[in-house]
Protein backbone atom coordinates (compact mmCIF):
# COMPACT_ATOMS: atom_id res chain seq x y z
CA MET A 1 -12.98 -22.61 -10.07
CA LEU A 2 -10.57 -20.68 -7.87
CA LEU A 3 -7.44 -22.59 -7.02
CA LEU A 4 -6.31 -22.43 -3.41
CA LEU A 5 -3.30 -20.21 -4.02
CA LYS A 6 -0.94 -19.86 -1.10
CA ILE A 7 -0.78 -16.22 -0.06
CA ASN A 8 1.92 -15.01 2.33
CA ILE A 9 1.67 -11.51 3.81
CA VAL A 10 4.31 -9.38 5.54
CA ILE A 11 3.18 -6.30 7.48
CA PRO A 12 5.85 -3.86 8.74
CA ALA A 13 4.48 -1.99 11.77
CA HIS A 14 5.83 0.90 13.80
CA ASN A 15 3.62 2.25 16.60
CA GLU A 16 0.44 0.92 14.99
CA ALA A 17 -1.41 -0.08 18.17
CA ASN A 18 -4.42 2.03 17.18
CA PHE A 19 -4.83 0.23 13.85
CA ILE A 20 -3.11 -3.19 13.66
CA GLY A 21 -5.96 -4.99 15.42
CA ALA A 22 -8.47 -3.87 12.79
CA THR A 23 -6.06 -4.84 10.00
CA LEU A 24 -5.52 -8.35 11.36
CA GLN A 25 -9.23 -8.83 12.07
CA SER A 26 -10.07 -7.97 8.45
CA LEU A 27 -7.49 -10.53 7.25
CA ALA A 28 -8.94 -13.15 9.60
CA GLU A 29 -12.36 -12.59 8.01
CA GLN A 30 -11.21 -13.06 4.40
CA THR A 31 -13.15 -15.46 2.17
CA LEU A 32 -9.75 -16.78 1.07
CA ARG A 33 -7.62 -17.13 4.17
CA PRO A 34 -3.93 -16.23 3.88
CA ASN A 35 -1.41 -19.02 4.26
CA LYS A 36 0.78 -16.95 6.58
CA VAL A 37 0.82 -13.41 8.00
CA VAL A 38 4.03 -12.09 9.55
CA VAL A 39 3.86 -8.77 11.37
CA VAL A 40 7.23 -7.10 11.90
CA ASP A 41 7.16 -4.81 14.92
CA ASP A 42 9.79 -2.29 13.90
CA SER A 43 10.93 -0.79 17.22
CA SER A 44 7.47 0.28 18.39
CA THR A 45 7.20 2.10 21.69
CA ASP A 46 3.47 1.40 22.11
CA ASN A 47 1.72 -1.96 22.59
CA THR A 48 1.74 -3.02 18.93
CA SER A 49 3.49 -6.28 19.85
CA GLU A 50 0.96 -7.20 22.53
CA ILE A 51 -1.94 -6.75 20.13
CA VAL A 52 -0.25 -8.88 17.46
CA GLU A 53 0.57 -11.56 20.04
CA SER A 54 -3.10 -11.72 21.04
CA PHE A 55 -4.01 -12.45 17.42
CA ALA A 56 -1.15 -14.95 17.06
CA ALA A 57 -2.51 -16.85 20.08
CA LYS A 58 -5.86 -17.09 18.32
CA TYR A 59 -4.70 -17.77 14.76
CA SER A 60 -1.79 -20.14 14.13
CA TRP A 61 -1.03 -18.52 10.77
CA ILE A 62 -0.23 -15.12 12.33
CA GLU A 63 3.31 -14.56 13.63
CA LEU A 64 5.09 -11.66 15.30
CA VAL A 65 8.69 -10.76 14.49
CA LYS A 66 10.46 -8.03 16.44
CA ASN A 67 12.98 -5.82 14.70
CA ASP A 68 15.27 -3.27 16.32
CA SER A 69 16.01 -0.47 13.90
CA SER A 70 17.03 3.15 13.93
CA THR A 71 14.46 5.71 15.04
CA GLU A 72 15.60 7.97 12.18
CA HIS A 73 12.86 8.95 9.71
CA ALA A 74 14.00 7.11 6.58
CA PRO A 75 11.26 7.02 3.93
CA GLY A 76 11.34 3.84 1.89
CA SER A 77 14.41 2.14 3.33
CA LYS A 78 13.04 1.61 6.84
CA VAL A 79 9.84 -0.10 5.72
CA ILE A 80 11.59 -2.31 3.14
CA ASN A 81 14.25 -3.40 5.62
CA ALA A 82 11.47 -4.34 8.04
CA PHE A 83 9.62 -6.17 5.26
CA TYR A 84 12.61 -8.40 4.59
CA LYS A 85 12.98 -9.19 8.30
CA GLY A 86 9.56 -10.80 7.96
CA PHE A 87 9.98 -12.22 4.46
CA TYR A 88 13.04 -14.24 5.42
CA LYS A 89 11.05 -15.89 8.21
CA LEU A 90 8.81 -17.47 5.57
CA ASP A 91 9.53 -20.64 3.63
CA ASP A 92 9.62 -20.80 -0.17
CA ASP A 93 6.24 -22.52 -0.50
CA TYR A 94 3.94 -19.73 -1.68
CA ASP A 95 2.22 -18.50 -4.84
CA ILE A 96 1.66 -14.84 -3.93
CA ILE A 97 3.66 -12.60 -1.60
CA CYS A 98 2.10 -9.41 -0.23
CA LYS A 99 3.52 -6.36 1.49
CA PHE A 100 0.67 -4.64 3.36
CA ASP A 101 0.56 -1.66 5.68
CA ALA A 102 -0.63 -1.96 9.28
CA ASP A 103 -3.40 0.64 9.13
CA LEU A 104 -5.81 -0.91 6.62
CA ILE A 105 -9.17 -2.64 6.71
CA PHE A 106 -9.61 -5.04 3.80
CA PRO A 107 -12.99 -5.98 2.32
CA GLU A 108 -13.65 -9.65 3.02
CA ASN A 109 -13.25 -10.65 -0.64
CA TYR A 110 -9.94 -8.82 -1.11
CA LEU A 111 -7.55 -11.78 -1.16
CA GLU A 112 -9.96 -13.95 -3.14
CA SER A 113 -10.32 -11.25 -5.79
CA ILE A 114 -6.56 -10.70 -5.99
CA ALA A 115 -5.99 -14.45 -6.34
CA GLN A 116 -8.59 -14.53 -9.12
CA HIS A 117 -6.69 -11.91 -11.10
CA PHE A 118 -3.51 -13.95 -10.87
CA GLN A 119 -5.31 -17.15 -11.80
CA GLU A 120 -7.19 -15.71 -14.77
CA ASP A 121 -4.17 -13.95 -16.30
CA PRO A 122 -0.86 -15.83 -16.24
CA THR A 123 0.94 -12.62 -17.30
CA ALA A 124 -0.31 -10.73 -14.21
CA GLY A 125 2.79 -10.09 -12.12
CA MET A 126 1.31 -7.67 -9.60
CA ALA A 127 -2.24 -6.91 -8.50
CA GLY A 128 -3.96 -4.61 -6.05
CA GLY A 129 -6.96 -2.50 -5.16
CA PHE A 130 -7.10 1.10 -4.01
CA CYS A 131 -6.98 2.89 -0.68
CA SER A 132 -10.01 4.86 0.44
CA VAL A 133 -10.28 7.56 3.09
CA GLN A 134 -13.18 8.60 5.30
CA ARG A 135 -14.88 11.88 4.54
CA LYS A 136 -17.69 12.39 7.05
CA ASP A 137 -19.77 9.20 6.75
CA LYS A 138 -18.40 8.06 3.38
CA TRP A 139 -15.29 6.23 2.24
CA ILE A 140 -13.96 7.66 -1.01
CA PRO A 141 -10.90 6.74 -3.12
CA GLU A 142 -7.65 8.30 -1.93
CA ASN A 143 -6.65 9.89 -5.23
CA LEU A 144 -2.92 10.32 -4.77
CA THR A 145 -1.79 8.19 -7.71
CA GLY A 146 -2.88 7.16 -11.18
CA LYS A 147 -5.30 4.33 -11.81
CA ASP A 148 -2.48 2.13 -13.13
CA HIS A 149 -0.41 2.25 -9.92
CA ILE A 150 -0.64 0.02 -6.86
CA ARG A 151 0.12 1.88 -3.65
CA GLY A 152 3.01 0.65 -1.52
CA ALA A 153 0.43 -0.16 1.16
CA LEU A 154 -1.20 -2.86 -0.98
CA LYS A 155 1.46 -4.74 -2.90
CA ALA A 156 0.78 -8.30 -4.08
CA TYR A 157 3.26 -10.13 -6.32
CA ARG A 158 3.19 -13.39 -8.20
CA LYS A 159 6.14 -15.41 -6.96
CA HIS A 160 7.95 -15.60 -10.30
CA CYS A 161 7.53 -11.85 -10.87
CA PHE A 162 8.77 -11.07 -7.35
CA ILE A 163 11.89 -13.14 -7.99
CA GLN A 164 12.51 -11.59 -11.43
CA ILE A 165 12.36 -7.97 -10.32
CA GLY A 166 14.96 -8.68 -7.63
CA GLU A 167 14.84 -7.41 -4.09
CA LEU A 168 12.63 -4.40 -3.43
CA LYS A 169 14.75 -1.27 -3.34
CA PRO A 170 15.40 0.04 0.22
CA ALA A 171 14.78 3.62 -0.87
CA MET A 172 12.05 6.15 -1.53
CA GLY A 173 10.45 5.22 -4.84
CA TRP A 174 10.59 1.46 -4.25
CA ASP A 175 6.86 1.14 -4.95
CA THR A 176 7.32 2.68 -8.39
CA ALA A 177 10.55 0.84 -9.20
CA ASP A 178 8.95 -2.56 -8.59
CA GLU A 179 6.14 -1.90 -11.09
CA LEU A 180 8.48 -0.50 -13.74
CA LEU A 181 10.77 -3.51 -13.38
CA ALA A 182 7.81 -5.89 -13.51
CA ARG A 183 6.80 -4.32 -16.82
CA PHE A 184 10.43 -4.44 -17.99
CA HIS A 185 10.29 -8.22 -17.54
CA GLY A 186 7.00 -8.48 -19.45
CA TRP A 187 4.55 -8.69 -16.54
CA LYS A 188 1.25 -6.86 -16.27
CA VAL A 189 0.34 -4.69 -13.29
CA ILE A 190 -3.37 -5.20 -12.57
CA THR A 191 -5.39 -2.66 -10.58
CA ASP A 192 -8.97 -3.31 -9.46
CA GLU A 193 -11.10 -0.25 -8.73
CA SER A 194 -13.82 -2.40 -7.16
CA LEU A 195 -11.49 -3.31 -4.28
CA LEU A 196 -11.54 -0.34 -1.94
CA VAL A 197 -9.47 -0.76 1.21
CA LYS A 198 -10.13 1.53 4.17
CA HIS A 199 -7.01 3.53 4.98
CA LEU A 200 -7.24 4.43 8.65
CA ARG A 201 -4.34 6.87 8.65
CA PRO A 202 -4.43 8.63 5.28
CA THR A 203 -1.24 9.45 3.44
CA GLY A 204 -0.46 13.12 3.29
CA MET A 205 -1.89 14.05 6.68
CA ASN A 206 1.59 15.34 7.33
CA TYR A 207 4.02 16.50 4.66
CA PHE A 208 7.70 16.48 5.47
CA GLU A 209 10.27 18.45 3.47
CA HIS A 210 12.69 15.58 4.02
CA SER A 211 10.28 13.13 2.36
CA GLY A 212 9.80 15.51 -0.56
CA ARG A 213 13.51 15.73 -1.20
CA LYS A 214 13.76 11.95 -0.98
CA GLN A 215 11.00 11.65 -3.58
CA GLY A 216 12.91 13.95 -5.91
CA GLU A 217 16.02 11.88 -5.32
CA ALA A 218 14.01 8.80 -6.30
CA PHE A 219 13.17 10.35 -9.68
CA TYR A 220 16.89 10.76 -10.32
CA ARG A 221 17.77 7.27 -9.11
CA LEU A 222 15.07 5.77 -11.36
CA ARG A 223 16.82 7.47 -14.32
CA TYR A 224 13.81 9.61 -15.27
CA GLY A 225 15.98 12.45 -16.55
CA THR A 226 15.33 16.14 -15.89
CA LEU A 227 12.24 16.78 -18.04
CA LEU A 228 10.37 13.67 -16.87
CA SER A 229 11.29 14.49 -13.28
CA LEU A 230 9.86 18.02 -13.67
CA ILE A 231 6.61 16.59 -15.06
CA ALA A 232 6.38 13.90 -12.36
CA SER A 233 7.09 16.47 -9.64
CA ALA A 234 4.40 18.82 -10.89
CA LYS A 235 1.85 16.00 -11.13
CA LEU A 236 2.60 14.68 -7.64
CA ALA A 237 2.55 18.15 -6.06
CA ALA A 238 -0.84 18.79 -7.70
CA LEU A 239 -2.22 15.51 -6.36
CA LYS A 240 -1.02 16.41 -2.88
CA MET A 241 -2.36 19.96 -3.36
CA ASN A 242 0.92 21.28 -1.96
CA PRO A 243 2.84 23.77 -4.16
CA PHE A 244 5.85 23.66 -1.85
CA ALA A 245 6.17 19.93 -2.58
CA PHE A 246 7.19 20.70 -6.17
CA ILE A 247 10.13 22.78 -4.93
CA HIS A 248 11.22 20.02 -2.57
CA TYR A 249 10.96 17.32 -5.27
CA ILE A 250 13.04 19.29 -7.74
CA SER A 251 15.56 20.27 -5.07
CA GLY A 252 15.96 16.61 -4.15
CA TYR A 253 16.40 15.64 -7.79
CA PHE A 254 19.18 18.15 -8.47
CA GLN A 255 20.93 17.42 -5.18
CA ALA A 256 20.99 13.71 -6.07
CA LYS A 257 22.29 14.55 -9.55
CA LYS A 258 25.02 16.76 -8.13
CA LYS A 259 26.08 14.10 -5.62
CA LYS A 260 25.79 11.36 -8.28
CA ARG A 261 23.66 9.17 -6.03
CA PRO A 262 23.70 5.50 -7.14
CA PHE A 263 20.94 4.53 -9.53
CA LEU A 264 18.27 2.00 -8.56
CA VAL A 265 18.02 0.55 -12.07
CA SER A 266 20.44 -0.35 -14.85
CA GLU A 267 20.98 1.75 -18.00
CA GLU A 268 18.85 -0.68 -20.02
CA GLU A 269 16.08 -0.60 -17.43
CA GLY A 270 16.32 3.20 -17.35
CA ARG A 271 15.83 3.44 -21.12
CA PHE A 272 12.77 1.21 -20.85
CA ILE A 273 11.38 3.32 -17.98
CA ARG A 274 11.77 6.60 -19.87
CA LYS A 275 10.21 5.12 -23.01
CA LEU A 276 7.27 3.78 -20.98
CA ARG A 277 6.75 7.08 -19.16
CA TRP A 278 6.76 9.11 -22.37
CA ALA A 279 4.37 6.65 -24.01
CA ASN A 280 1.95 7.08 -21.09
CA ILE A 281 2.18 10.87 -21.35
CA ARG A 282 1.49 10.81 -25.10
CA LYS A 283 -1.45 8.47 -24.54
CA LYS A 284 -3.11 11.03 -22.26
CA PHE A 285 -2.94 13.69 -24.95
CA ALA A 286 -3.95 11.42 -27.83
C-alpha cells in the first residue's frame, strides 16, 4: 500500500510561457497529487506569470512567486537561487522535495512511482526518471548522461537526505554535487528508466562557450583532479557530439585551478568523490 507522502515541488521559470502550462497541467493530472507546487518566475519578460496565475486560480496547491534577478547568463547559480526563493515559501511539513524544470511533461504516474521508490527503499535519498526528446513522431531518451545520474531538471529528494547534503550549490555542477554528497552520506540514488518525461526544449540545442568553461570549473571545484577532469570532459563532449566542448571544459578547469576558485566540497568529501569516480570507471572495464 502506497503511503500518502507529501511531495513539495519548486519550479524555477524564466520566459517559459510556451511550456509552463503543459508542465503544470501534467502535474495536475498526476495519480498522486503533489502537496504544493511553487513556480518561481525569475524575471520573465513574457507572460509566464499570467499562465501560472491562471493555474493557481484553479488549483489551490499551485502558487506563484516572483523573483527579480540579474539578466546575466549564470549557469547553475541563477536556477538554484530561484529555487530557494520558492523553497523558503514552503513550510517544513513534507516528505519529498522536488526541483523540476518548467519545460517538461510528466507521465501521469510519475510522482506515484517516485514515491513508491522512496517508500520501498528507506536508503533511497534521491530518485528520478529520464528526459526524452521528440524525434519526428517518437519520444526517445535524451542520452546526455549516464544511467545512474538524475538530470537537474528532475530532482526529487527524501527530506532527510536533502537536509544532510546541505544547501544545493549555487554553481554549475550542482546537480552532480548533490548526488555525490548523497552517496557520501550513505544514501542511494535511484533512477527509473520506465519513467520517461517529455522535454519540450531539449538540452544542447544551443551550446555556449561560457557554459562549457563553467562546466570545467565545476570539475575543479568538485575536487576531481586533473586526470578525472580530462576523462569527464572527454565523455561529456562525446555525449554532446561537440569536440569544441572538450577544449572549453579543460580551459575552464585550468583557469579555475590557476585562480584557486573555492571548492564546493570538503577535502574528505573530495577524497570520497574521487574514489567513487575511479571505482565507476574500473567497473566499466571489468
